[in-house]
Amino acid sequence: MRSRNWTLAAYAACALFAVFALAPLLWMIFSSLKPYEELYNFPPTFGISSLGLHYYEKVLLSSPFPQFLANSLIVSIVSTLISVLFAAMAGWSLARARFRGQWLILNTVLLAYLFPQALIVLPLFTAIAKIGLANTYLGLILAYVTFTFPFSTWMLTAYFAKVPIEIEEAGRMDGASNLTIFCRLVLPLAAPGIVTVAIFSFINAWNEFLYGLVILGGGEKRTLPVGLYNFVGGEFAQWGEMMAATSLTMLPTLLLFLFIQRRLVGGLTAGAVKS
């Protein structure tokens, strides 16, 4: 009986925590559907007298939100692909190669990730501006890679180290090159780690504000986090439009998790059936 009571208490605590965590999200969605006058009710309520999509219509049809969405997709996807590609190659090399100073390099890579963005944003912007990439997608992509690549490399190095080296040795005995071994044997086995790194890189680039503000400025190339600031700037805050735009901004990450969830589970067993 005591064990059952503890189990019920644990479930109740988890339920309360879930409600606490989801409350801001639900409030945002409800606010994006409320009439304008209900946004300023005091005390605030979750109830909605009438549902409406007028805020979403304004955001999608009468604002630069679609352009900001396209900008964020371009920058986030490309920076994620670059980070995952180079982190996978670097991680495998660090996990398998044996040379003096190997772990010093790995720890230095991780140390680079620990520097706060506010500390390096100005030197980084200066370097990007000097090579003519300020206010360009490529400049922002390179900036994002600087803080996603180190941590991704550190994570994948630890993951590749757990892949049985006998598989690689068997491939070499069959005459496979290092590139073939890496692409056809190692990567399928490391699929869960690569998916984790991809999620980490995409979400960091998708939600990043400071680099996007400094490197791209206030033009039409702004990413979503910077563009959303338009709805709260100025003399009057557009809270309804802000809630609708934020709700739409959340959709790509939700879709990513729904898609990746199946791929992640599949990747856990992919290497077991490879011949």
C-alpha atoms as a PDB file:
ATOM      1  CA  MET A   1       0.000   0.000   0.000  1.00  0.00           C
ATOM      2  CA  ARG A   2       2.806   2.384   0.873  1.00  0.00           C
ATOM      3  CA  SER A   3       4.490   1.734  -2.473  1.00  0.00           C
ATOM      4  CA  ARG A   4       1.212   2.454  -4.264  1.00  0.00           C
ATOM      5  CA  ASN A   5       0.784   5.723  -2.389  1.00  0.00           C
ATOM      6  CA  TRP A   6       4.274   6.822  -3.354  1.00  0.00           C
ATOM      7  CA  THR A   7       3.539   5.952  -6.972  1.00  0.00           C
ATOM      8  CA  LEU A   8       0.315   7.989  -6.945  1.00  0.00           C
ATOM      9  CA  ALA A   9       2.149  10.898  -5.323  1.00  0.00           C
ATOM     10  CA  ALA A  10       4.846  10.754  -8.000  1.00  0.00           C
ATOM     11  CA  TYR A  11       2.235  10.767 -10.777  1.00  0.00           C
ATOM     12  CA  ALA A  12       0.446  13.682  -9.139  1.00  0.00           C
ATOM     13  CA  ALA A  13       3.691  15.639  -8.852  1.00  0.00           C
ATOM     14  CA  CYS A  14       4.470  14.970 -12.532  1.00  0.00           C
ATOM     15  CA  ALA A  15       0.962  16.080 -13.513  1.00  0.00           C
ATOM     16  CA  LEU A  16       1.307  19.322 -11.550  1.00  0.00           C
ATOM     17  CA  PHE A  17       4.685  19.981 -13.133  1.00  0.00           C
ATOM     18  CA  ALA A  18       3.242  19.321 -16.602  1.00  0.00           C
ATOM     19  CA  VAL A  19       0.403  21.792 -15.964  1.00  0.00           C
ATOM     20  CA  PHE A  20       2.903  24.363 -14.707  1.00  0.00           C
ATOM     21  CA  ALA A  21       5.109  23.872 -17.789  1.00  0.00           C
ATOM     22  CA  LEU A  22       2.238  23.922 -20.292  1.00  0.00           C
ATOM     23  CA  ALA A  23       0.352  26.879 -18.815  1.00  0.00           C
ATOM     24  CA  PRO A  24       2.366  29.578 -20.677  1.00  0.00           C
ATOM     25  CA  LEU A  25       2.031  27.644 -23.930  1.00  0.00           C
ATOM     26  CA  LEU A  26      -1.736  27.292 -23.555  1.00  0.00           C
ATOM     27  CA  TRP A  27      -2.028  30.941 -22.580  1.00  0.00           C
ATOM     28  CA  MET A  28      -0.191  31.953 -25.745  1.00  0.00           C
ATOM     29  CA  ILE A  29      -2.438  29.838 -27.983  1.00  0.00           C
ATOM     30  CA  PHE A  30      -5.648  31.000 -26.294  1.00  0.00           C
ATOM     31  CA  SER A  31      -4.542  34.625 -26.506  1.00  0.00           C
ATOM     32  CA  SER A  32      -3.953  34.277 -30.237  1.00  0.00           C
ATOM     33  CA  LEU A  33      -7.608  33.253 -30.658  1.00  0.00           C
ATOM     34  CA  LYS A  34      -9.249  35.795 -28.355  1.00  0.00           C
ATOM     35  CA  PRO A  35     -11.022  38.994 -29.432  1.00  0.00           C
ATOM     36  CA  TYR A  36      -8.911  42.110 -28.938  1.00  0.00           C
ATOM     37  CA  GLU A  37     -10.811  43.399 -25.901  1.00  0.00           C
ATOM     38  CA  GLU A  38     -10.400  40.108 -23.999  1.00  0.00           C
ATOM     39  CA  LEU A  39      -6.616  40.319 -24.161  1.00  0.00           C
ATOM     40  CA  TYR A  40      -6.689  43.030 -21.518  1.00  0.00           C
ATOM     41  CA  ASN A  41      -9.226  41.501 -19.121  1.00  0.00           C
ATOM     42  CA  PHE A  42      -8.293  41.728 -15.471  1.00  0.00           C
ATOM     43  CA  PRO A  43      -8.133  39.315 -13.846  1.00  0.00           C
ATOM     44  CA  PRO A  44      -7.052  37.381 -16.945  1.00  0.00           C
ATOM     45  CA  THR A  45      -9.018  34.294 -17.929  1.00  0.00           C
ATOM     46  CA  PHE A  46      -8.408  31.230 -20.063  1.00  0.00           C
ATOM     47  CA  GLY A  47     -11.928  31.342 -21.406  1.00  0.00           C
ATOM     48  CA  ILE A  48     -12.704  32.548 -24.935  1.00  0.00           C
ATOM     49  CA  SER A  49     -16.086  34.044 -25.759  1.00  0.00           C
ATOM     50  CA  SER A  50     -15.573  33.631 -29.506  1.00  0.00           C
ATOM     51  CA  LEU A  51     -12.788  32.005 -31.501  1.00  0.00           C
ATOM     52  CA  GLY A  52     -11.173  33.956 -34.290  1.00  0.00           C
ATOM     53  CA  LEU A  53      -8.228  33.676 -36.660  1.00  0.00           C
ATOM     54  CA  HIS A  54      -7.970  37.397 -37.482  1.00  0.00           C
ATOM     55  CA  TYR A  55      -4.574  37.702 -35.775  1.00  0.00           C
ATOM     56  CA  TYR A  56      -3.227  34.848 -37.886  1.00  0.00           C
ATOM     57  CA  GLU A  57      -4.614  36.498 -41.027  1.00  0.00           C
ATOM     58  CA  LYS A  58      -2.815  39.739 -40.167  1.00  0.00           C
ATOM     59  CA  VAL A  59       0.444  37.945 -39.429  1.00  0.00           C
ATOM     60  CA  LEU A  60       0.414  35.816 -42.590  1.00  0.00           C
ATOM     61  CA  LEU A  61      -1.088  38.296 -45.047  1.00  0.00           C
ATOM     62  CA  SER A  62      -0.289  41.785 -43.767  1.00  0.00           C
ATOM     63  CA  SER A  63       3.130  41.474 -42.151  1.00  0.00           C
ATOM     64  CA  PRO A  64       6.655  40.379 -43.153  1.00  0.00           C
ATOM     65  CA  PHE A  65       6.284  37.221 -41.035  1.00  0.00           C
ATOM     66  CA  PRO A  66       6.428  34.818 -44.044  1.00  0.00           C
ATOM     67  CA  GLN A  67       9.733  36.386 -45.109  1.00  0.00           C
ATOM     68  CA  PHE A  68      11.133  36.072 -41.594  1.00  0.00           C
ATOM     69  CA  LEU A  69       9.992  32.443 -41.523  1.00  0.00           C
ATOM     70  CA  ALA A  70      11.773  31.707 -44.801  1.00  0.00           C
ATOM     71  CA  ASN A  71      14.927  33.436 -43.520  1.00  0.00           C
ATOM     72  CA  SER A  72      14.971  31.331 -40.348  1.00  0.00           C
ATOM     73  CA  LEU A  73      14.388  28.118 -42.262  1.00  0.00           C
ATOM     74  CA  ILE A  74      17.262  28.839 -44.642  1.00  0.00           C
ATOM     75  CA  VAL A  75      19.720  29.784 -41.928  1.00  0.00           C
ATOM     76  CA  SER A  76      18.718  27.042 -39.482  1.00  0.00           C
ATOM     77  CA  ILE A  77      18.684  24.184 -41.996  1.00  0.00           C
ATOM     78  CA  VAL A  78      21.964  25.119 -43.692  1.00  0.00           C
ATOM     79  CA  SER A  79      23.807  25.741 -40.410  1.00  0.00           C
ATOM     80  CA  THR A  80      22.492  22.423 -39.066  1.00  0.00           C
ATOM     81  CA  LEU A  81      23.688  20.518 -42.140  1.00  0.00           C
ATOM     82  CA  ILE A  82      27.137  22.121 -41.938  1.00  0.00           C
ATOM     83  CA  SER A  83      27.472  21.489 -38.207  1.00  0.00           C
ATOM     84  CA  VAL A  84      26.363  17.868 -38.425  1.00  0.00           C
ATOM     85  CA  LEU A  85      28.570  17.107 -41.446  1.00  0.00           C
ATOM     86  CA  PHE A  86      31.793  18.531 -40.039  1.00  0.00           C
ATOM     87  CA  ALA A  87      31.081  17.458 -36.444  1.00  0.00           C
ATOM     88  CA  ALA A  88      30.537  13.878 -37.619  1.00  0.00           C
ATOM     89  CA  MET A  89      33.861  13.806 -39.463  1.00  0.00           C
ATOM     90  CA  ALA A  90      35.718  15.517 -36.630  1.00  0.00           C
ATOM     91  CA  GLY A  91      34.063  13.355 -33.984  1.00  0.00           C
ATOM     92  CA  TRP A  92      34.940  10.105 -35.742  1.00  0.00           C
ATOM     93  CA  SER A  93      38.531  11.244 -36.237  1.00  0.00           C
ATOM     94  CA  LEU A  94      38.908  12.179 -32.577  1.00  0.00           C
ATOM     95  CA  ALA A  95      37.273   8.940 -31.440  1.00  0.00           C
ATOM     96  CA  ARG A  96      39.437   6.659 -33.583  1.00  0.00           C
ATOM     97  CA  ALA A  97      42.742   8.429 -34.239  1.00  0.00           C
ATOM     98  CA  ARG A  98      45.497   8.178 -31.659  1.00  0.00           C
ATOM     99  CA  PHE A  99      47.897  11.089 -31.516  1.00  0.00           C
ATOM    100  CA  ARG A 100      49.586  13.290 -28.938  1.00  0.00           C
ATOM    101  CA  GLY A 101      47.334  16.043 -27.620  1.00  0.00           C
ATOM    102  CA  GLN A 102      44.140  14.328 -28.757  1.00  0.00           C
ATOM    103  CA  TRP A 103      42.141  14.942 -25.589  1.00  0.00           C
ATOM    104  CA  LEU A 104      43.566  18.438 -25.283  1.00  0.00           C
ATOM    105  CA  ILE A 105      42.024  19.233 -28.659  1.00  0.00           C
ATOM    106  CA  LEU A 106      38.702  17.704 -27.625  1.00  0.00           C
ATOM    107  CA  ASN A 107      38.567  19.634 -24.365  1.00  0.00           C
ATOM    108  CA  THR A 108      39.555  22.827 -26.153  1.00  0.00           C
ATOM    109  CA  VAL A 109      36.679  22.310 -28.582  1.00  0.00           C
ATOM    110  CA  LEU A 110      34.278  22.001 -25.667  1.00  0.00           C
ATOM    111  CA  LEU A 111      35.807  25.040 -23.985  1.00  0.00           C
ATOM    112  CA  ALA A 112      35.022  27.111 -27.075  1.00  0.00           C
ATOM    113  CA  TYR A 113      31.326  26.312 -26.572  1.00  0.00           C
ATOM    114  CA  LEU A 114      31.379  27.558 -22.981  1.00  0.00           C
ATOM    115  CA  PHE A 115      32.119  31.192 -23.875  1.00  0.00           C
ATOM    116  CA  PRO A 116      28.953  33.311 -23.559  1.00  0.00           C
ATOM    117  CA  GLN A 117      27.608  34.675 -26.830  1.00  0.00           C
ATOM    118  CA  ALA A 118      27.558  38.254 -25.555  1.00  0.00           C
ATOM    119  CA  LEU A 119      31.332  38.042 -25.055  1.00  0.00           C
ATOM    120  CA  ILE A 120      32.219  37.016 -28.605  1.00  0.00           C
ATOM    121  CA  VAL A 121      29.438  38.585 -30.684  1.00  0.00           C
ATOM    122  CA  LEU A 122      31.306  41.840 -31.371  1.00  0.00           C
ATOM    123  CA  PRO A 123      34.674  40.251 -32.322  1.00  0.00           C
ATOM    124  CA  LEU A 124      32.792  37.741 -34.440  1.00  0.00           C
ATOM    125  CA  PHE A 125      30.778  40.461 -36.148  1.00  0.00           C
ATOM    126  CA  THR A 126      33.974  42.417 -36.847  1.00  0.00           C
ATOM    127  CA  ALA A 127      35.578  39.368 -38.463  1.00  0.00           C
ATOM    128  CA  ILE A 128      32.454  38.648 -40.535  1.00  0.00           C
ATOM    129  CA  ALA A 129      32.189  42.290 -41.633  1.00  0.00           C
ATOM    130  CA  LYS A 130      35.847  42.370 -42.713  1.00  0.00           C
ATOM    131  CA  ILE A 131      35.320  39.472 -45.108  1.00  0.00           C
ATOM    132  CA  GLY A 132      32.216  41.137 -46.522  1.00  0.00           C
ATOM    133  CA  LEU A 133      29.589  38.796 -45.078  1.00  0.00           C
ATOM    134  CA  ALA A 134      27.749  41.228 -42.786  1.00  0.00           C
ATOM    135  CA  ASN A 135      24.008  41.373 -43.472  1.00  0.00           C
ATOM    136  CA  THR A 136      24.138  38.077 -45.398  1.00  0.00           C
ATOM    137  CA  TYR A 137      22.736  34.629 -44.764  1.00  0.00           C
ATOM    138  CA  LEU A 138      26.188  33.097 -45.061  1.00  0.00           C
ATOM    139  CA  GLY A 139      27.600  35.399 -42.393  1.00  0.00           C
ATOM    140  CA  LEU A 140      24.898  34.394 -39.917  1.00  0.00           C
ATOM    141  CA  ILE A 141      25.250  30.718 -40.825  1.00  0.00           C
ATOM    142  CA  LEU A 142      28.980  30.841 -40.086  1.00  0.00           C
ATOM    143  CA  ALA A 143      28.248  32.554 -36.780  1.00  0.00           C
ATOM    144  CA  TYR A 144      25.803  29.826 -35.805  1.00  0.00           C
ATOM    145  CA  VAL A 145      28.284  27.113 -36.738  1.00  0.00           C
ATOM    146  CA  THR A 146      30.808  28.618 -34.319  1.00  0.00           C
ATOM    147  CA  PHE A 147      28.667  27.680 -31.321  1.00  0.00           C
ATOM    148  CA  THR A 148      26.916  24.530 -32.615  1.00  0.00           C
ATOM    149  CA  PHE A 149      29.971  22.806 -34.083  1.00  0.00           C
ATOM    150  CA  PRO A 150      32.084  22.540 -30.870  1.00  0.00           C
ATOM    151  CA  PHE A 151      29.373  20.952 -28.749  1.00  0.00           C
ATOM    152  CA  SER A 152      28.232  18.741 -31.624  1.00  0.00           C
ATOM    153  CA  THR A 153      31.791  17.485 -32.089  1.00  0.00           C
ATOM    154  CA  TRP A 154      32.123  16.741 -28.385  1.00  0.00           C
ATOM    155  CA  MET A 155      28.846  14.804 -28.342  1.00  0.00           C
ATOM    156  CA  LEU A 156      29.590  12.779 -31.465  1.00  0.00           C
ATOM    157  CA  THR A 157      33.108  11.930 -30.332  1.00  0.00           C
ATOM    158  CA  ALA A 158      31.666  10.256 -27.255  1.00  0.00           C
ATOM    159  CA  TYR A 159      29.051   8.490 -29.385  1.00  0.00           C
ATOM    160  CA  PHE A 160      31.482   7.229 -32.022  1.00  0.00           C
ATOM    161  CA  ALA A 161      33.736   5.890 -29.274  1.00  0.00           C
ATOM    162  CA  LYS A 162      30.933   3.471 -28.314  1.00  0.00           C
ATOM    163  CA  VAL A 163      30.590   2.068 -31.832  1.00  0.00           C
ATOM    164  CA  PRO A 164      32.344  -1.351 -31.920  1.00  0.00           C
ATOM    165  CA  ILE A 165      35.672  -0.918 -33.661  1.00  0.00           C
ATOM    166  CA  GLU A 166      35.485  -4.533 -34.871  1.00  0.00           C
ATOM    167  CA  ILE A 167      32.920  -3.456 -37.470  1.00  0.00           C
ATOM    168  CA  GLU A 168      35.380  -0.970 -38.956  1.00  0.00           C
ATOM    169  CA  GLU A 169      38.191  -3.511 -38.891  1.00  0.00           C
ATOM    170  CA  ALA A 170      35.992  -5.995 -40.741  1.00  0.00           C
ATOM    171  CA  GLY A 171      35.302  -3.358 -43.381  1.00  0.00           C
ATOM    172  CA  ARG A 172      39.011  -2.702 -43.857  1.00  0.00           C
ATOM    173  CA  MET A 173      39.676  -6.435 -44.227  1.00  0.00           C
ATOM    174  CA  ASP A 174      37.113  -6.435 -47.047  1.00  0.00           C
ATOM    175  CA  GLY A 175      39.043  -3.652 -48.779  1.00  0.00           C
ATOM    176  CA  ALA A 176      36.709  -0.741 -47.886  1.00  0.00           C
ATOM    177  CA  SER A 177      38.195   2.743 -47.793  1.00  0.00           C
ATOM    178  CA  ASN A 178      37.903   5.032 -44.781  1.00  0.00           C
ATOM    179  CA  LEU A 179      35.219   7.043 -46.555  1.00  0.00           C
ATOM    180  CA  THR A 180      33.190   3.904 -47.306  1.00  0.00           C
ATOM    181  CA  ILE A 181      33.544   2.691 -43.723  1.00  0.00           C
ATOM    182  CA  PHE A 182      32.484   6.058 -42.391  1.00  0.00           C
ATOM    183  CA  CYS A 183      29.462   6.490 -44.682  1.00  0.00           C
ATOM    184  CA  ARG A 184      28.161   2.914 -44.889  1.00  0.00           C
ATOM    185  CA  LEU A 185      29.109   1.376 -41.562  1.00  0.00           C
ATOM    186  CA  VAL A 186      29.701   4.037 -38.925  1.00  0.00           C
ATOM    187  CA  LEU A 187      27.011   6.606 -39.740  1.00  0.00           C
ATOM    188  CA  PRO A 188      24.076   4.133 -39.672  1.00  0.00           C
ATOM    189  CA  LEU A 189      25.197   2.881 -36.267  1.00  0.00           C
ATOM    190  CA  ALA A 190      25.560   6.444 -34.992  1.00  0.00           C
ATOM    191  CA  ALA A 191      22.172   7.591 -36.318  1.00  0.00           C
ATOM    192  CA  PRO A 192      20.673   8.322 -32.854  1.00  0.00           C
ATOM    193  CA  GLY A 193      23.638  10.519 -31.915  1.00  0.00           C
ATOM    194  CA  ILE A 194      23.555  12.347 -35.237  1.00  0.00           C
ATOM    195  CA  VAL A 195      19.819  12.968 -34.880  1.00  0.00           C
ATOM    196  CA  THR A 196      20.392  14.359 -31.379  1.00  0.00           C
ATOM    197  CA  VAL A 197      23.089  16.698 -32.657  1.00  0.00           C
ATOM    198  CA  ALA A 198      20.869  17.798 -35.551  1.00  0.00           C
ATOM    199  CA  ILE A 199      18.039  18.651 -33.156  1.00  0.00           C
ATOM    200  CA  PHE A 200      20.427  20.571 -30.922  1.00  0.00           C
ATOM    201  CA  SER A 201      21.878  22.547 -33.836  1.00  0.00           C
ATOM    202  CA  PHE A 202      18.523  23.345 -35.428  1.00  0.00           C
ATOM    203  CA  ILE A 203      16.843  24.513 -32.226  1.00  0.00           C
ATOM    204  CA  ASN A 204      19.814  26.680 -31.264  1.00  0.00           C
ATOM    205  CA  ALA A 205      19.814  28.364 -34.665  1.00  0.00           C
ATOM    206  CA  TRP A 206      16.010  28.627 -34.782  1.00  0.00           C
ATOM    207  CA  ASN A 207      15.717  30.350 -31.391  1.00  0.00           C
ATOM    208  CA  GLU A 208      18.873  32.493 -31.497  1.00  0.00           C
ATOM    209  CA  PHE A 209      18.315  36.251 -31.212  1.00  0.00           C
ATOM    210  CA  LEU A 210      21.569  38.103 -30.496  1.00  0.00           C
ATOM    211  CA  TYR A 211      23.623  37.051 -33.534  1.00  0.00           C
ATOM    212  CA  GLY A 212      20.653  37.547 -35.831  1.00  0.00           C
ATOM    213  CA  LEU A 213      20.130  41.070 -34.519  1.00  0.00           C
ATOM    214  CA  VAL A 214      23.784  42.112 -34.769  1.00  0.00           C
ATOM    215  CA  ILE A 215      24.832  40.411 -38.019  1.00  0.00           C
ATOM    216  CA  LEU A 216      21.677  40.875 -40.107  1.00  0.00           C
ATOM    217  CA  GLY A 217      20.553  44.194 -38.626  1.00  0.00           C
ATOM    218  CA  GLY A 218      17.003  45.398 -39.267  1.00  0.00           C
ATOM    219  CA  GLY A 219      16.519  44.574 -42.938  1.00  0.00           C
ATOM    220  CA  GLU A 220      14.275  42.085 -44.681  1.00  0.00           C
ATOM    221  CA  LYS A 221      16.766  39.296 -43.987  1.00  0.00           C
ATOM    222  CA  ARG A 222      15.866  39.252 -40.300  1.00  0.00           C
ATOM    223  CA  THR A 223      15.191  35.867 -38.716  1.00  0.00           C
ATOM    224  CA  LEU A 224      12.034  35.076 -36.759  1.00  0.00           C
ATOM    225  CA  PRO A 225      13.291  35.864 -33.228  1.00  0.00           C
ATOM    226  CA  VAL A 226      14.428  39.292 -34.417  1.00  0.00           C
ATOM    227  CA  GLY A 227      11.327  39.832 -36.535  1.00  0.00           C
ATOM    228  CA  LEU A 228       8.983  38.984 -33.664  1.00  0.00           C
ATOM    229  CA  TYR A 229      10.376  41.951 -31.785  1.00  0.00           C
ATOM    230  CA  ASN A 230       8.504  44.179 -34.255  1.00  0.00           C
ATOM    231  CA  PHE A 231       5.212  43.222 -32.647  1.00  0.00           C
ATOM    232  CA  VAL A 232       6.236  44.519 -29.214  1.00  0.00           C
ATOM    233  CA  GLY A 233       8.351  47.476 -30.335  1.00  0.00           C
ATOM    234  CA  GLY A 234       7.056  50.942 -30.964  1.00  0.00           C
ATOM    235  CA  GLU A 235       4.450  52.916 -29.047  1.00  0.00           C
ATOM    236  CA  PHE A 236       1.786  50.188 -28.902  1.00  0.00           C
ATOM    237  CA  ALA A 237       2.456  46.495 -28.490  1.00  0.00           C
ATOM    238  CA  GLN A 238       0.518  44.223 -30.846  1.00  0.00           C
ATOM    239  CA  TRP A 239      -0.061  41.424 -28.368  1.00  0.00           C
ATOM    240  CA  GLY A 240      -2.615  39.507 -30.420  1.00  0.00           C
ATOM    241  CA  GLU A 241      -0.369  39.448 -33.459  1.00  0.00           C
ATOM    242  CA  MET A 242       2.582  38.597 -31.230  1.00  0.00           C
ATOM    243  CA  MET A 243       0.785  35.564 -29.772  1.00  0.00           C
ATOM    244  CA  ALA A 244      -0.266  34.356 -33.233  1.00  0.00           C
ATOM    245  CA  ALA A 245       3.225  34.796 -34.695  1.00  0.00           C
ATOM    246  CA  THR A 246       4.824  33.018 -31.744  1.00  0.00           C
ATOM    247  CA  SER A 247       2.374  30.130 -32.065  1.00  0.00           C
ATOM    248  CA  LEU A 248       3.287  29.773 -35.744  1.00  0.00           C
ATOM    249  CA  THR A 249       6.990  29.987 -34.906  1.00  0.00           C
ATOM    250  CA  MET A 250       6.577  26.988 -32.637  1.00  0.00           C
ATOM    251  CA  LEU A 251       5.194  24.747 -35.396  1.00  0.00           C
ATOM    252  CA  PRO A 252       8.467  23.871 -37.224  1.00  0.00           C
ATOM    253  CA  THR A 253      10.125  22.604 -34.047  1.00  0.00           C
ATOM    254  CA  LEU A 254       7.045  20.546 -33.153  1.00  0.00           C
ATOM    255  CA  LEU A 255       6.963  19.036 -36.628  1.00  0.00           C
ATOM    256  CA  LEU A 256      10.691  18.340 -36.395  1.00  0.00           C
ATOM    257  CA  PHE A 257      10.253  16.416 -33.155  1.00  0.00           C
ATOM    258  CA  LEU A 258       7.286  14.455 -34.532  1.00  0.00           C
ATOM    259  CA  PHE A 259       9.313  13.473 -37.591  1.00  0.00           C
ATOM    260  CA  ILE A 260      12.600  12.828 -35.777  1.00  0.00           C
ATOM    261  CA  GLN A 261      10.977  10.754 -33.039  1.00  0.00           C
ATOM    262  CA  ARG A 262      10.349   7.836 -35.400  1.00  0.00           C
ATOM    263  CA  ARG A 263      13.742   8.252 -37.067  1.00  0.00           C
ATOM    264  CA  LEU A 264      15.453   8.226 -33.686  1.00  0.00           C
ATOM    265  CA  VAL A 265      13.814   4.966 -32.636  1.00  0.00           C
ATOM    266  CA  GLY A 266      14.584   3.462 -36.046  1.00  0.00           C
ATOM    267  CA  GLY A 267      18.205   4.551 -35.813  1.00  0.00           C
ATOM    268  CA  LEU A 268      18.646   2.696 -32.539  1.00  0.00           C
ATOM    269  CA  THR A 269      18.185  -0.635 -34.343  1.00  0.00           C
ATOM    270  CA  ALA A 270      19.411   0.296 -37.833  1.00  0.00           C
ATOM    271  CA  GLY A 271      22.962  -0.862 -37.222  1.00  0.00           C
ATOM    272  CA  ALA A 272      21.843  -4.243 -35.884  1.00  0.00           C
ATOM    273  CA  VAL A 273      20.463  -5.334 -39.244  1.00  0.00           C
ATOM    274  CA  LYS A 274      23.221  -4.029 -41.493  1.00  0.00           C
ATOM    275  CA  SER A 275      25.242  -6.671 -43.271  1.00  0.00           C
END
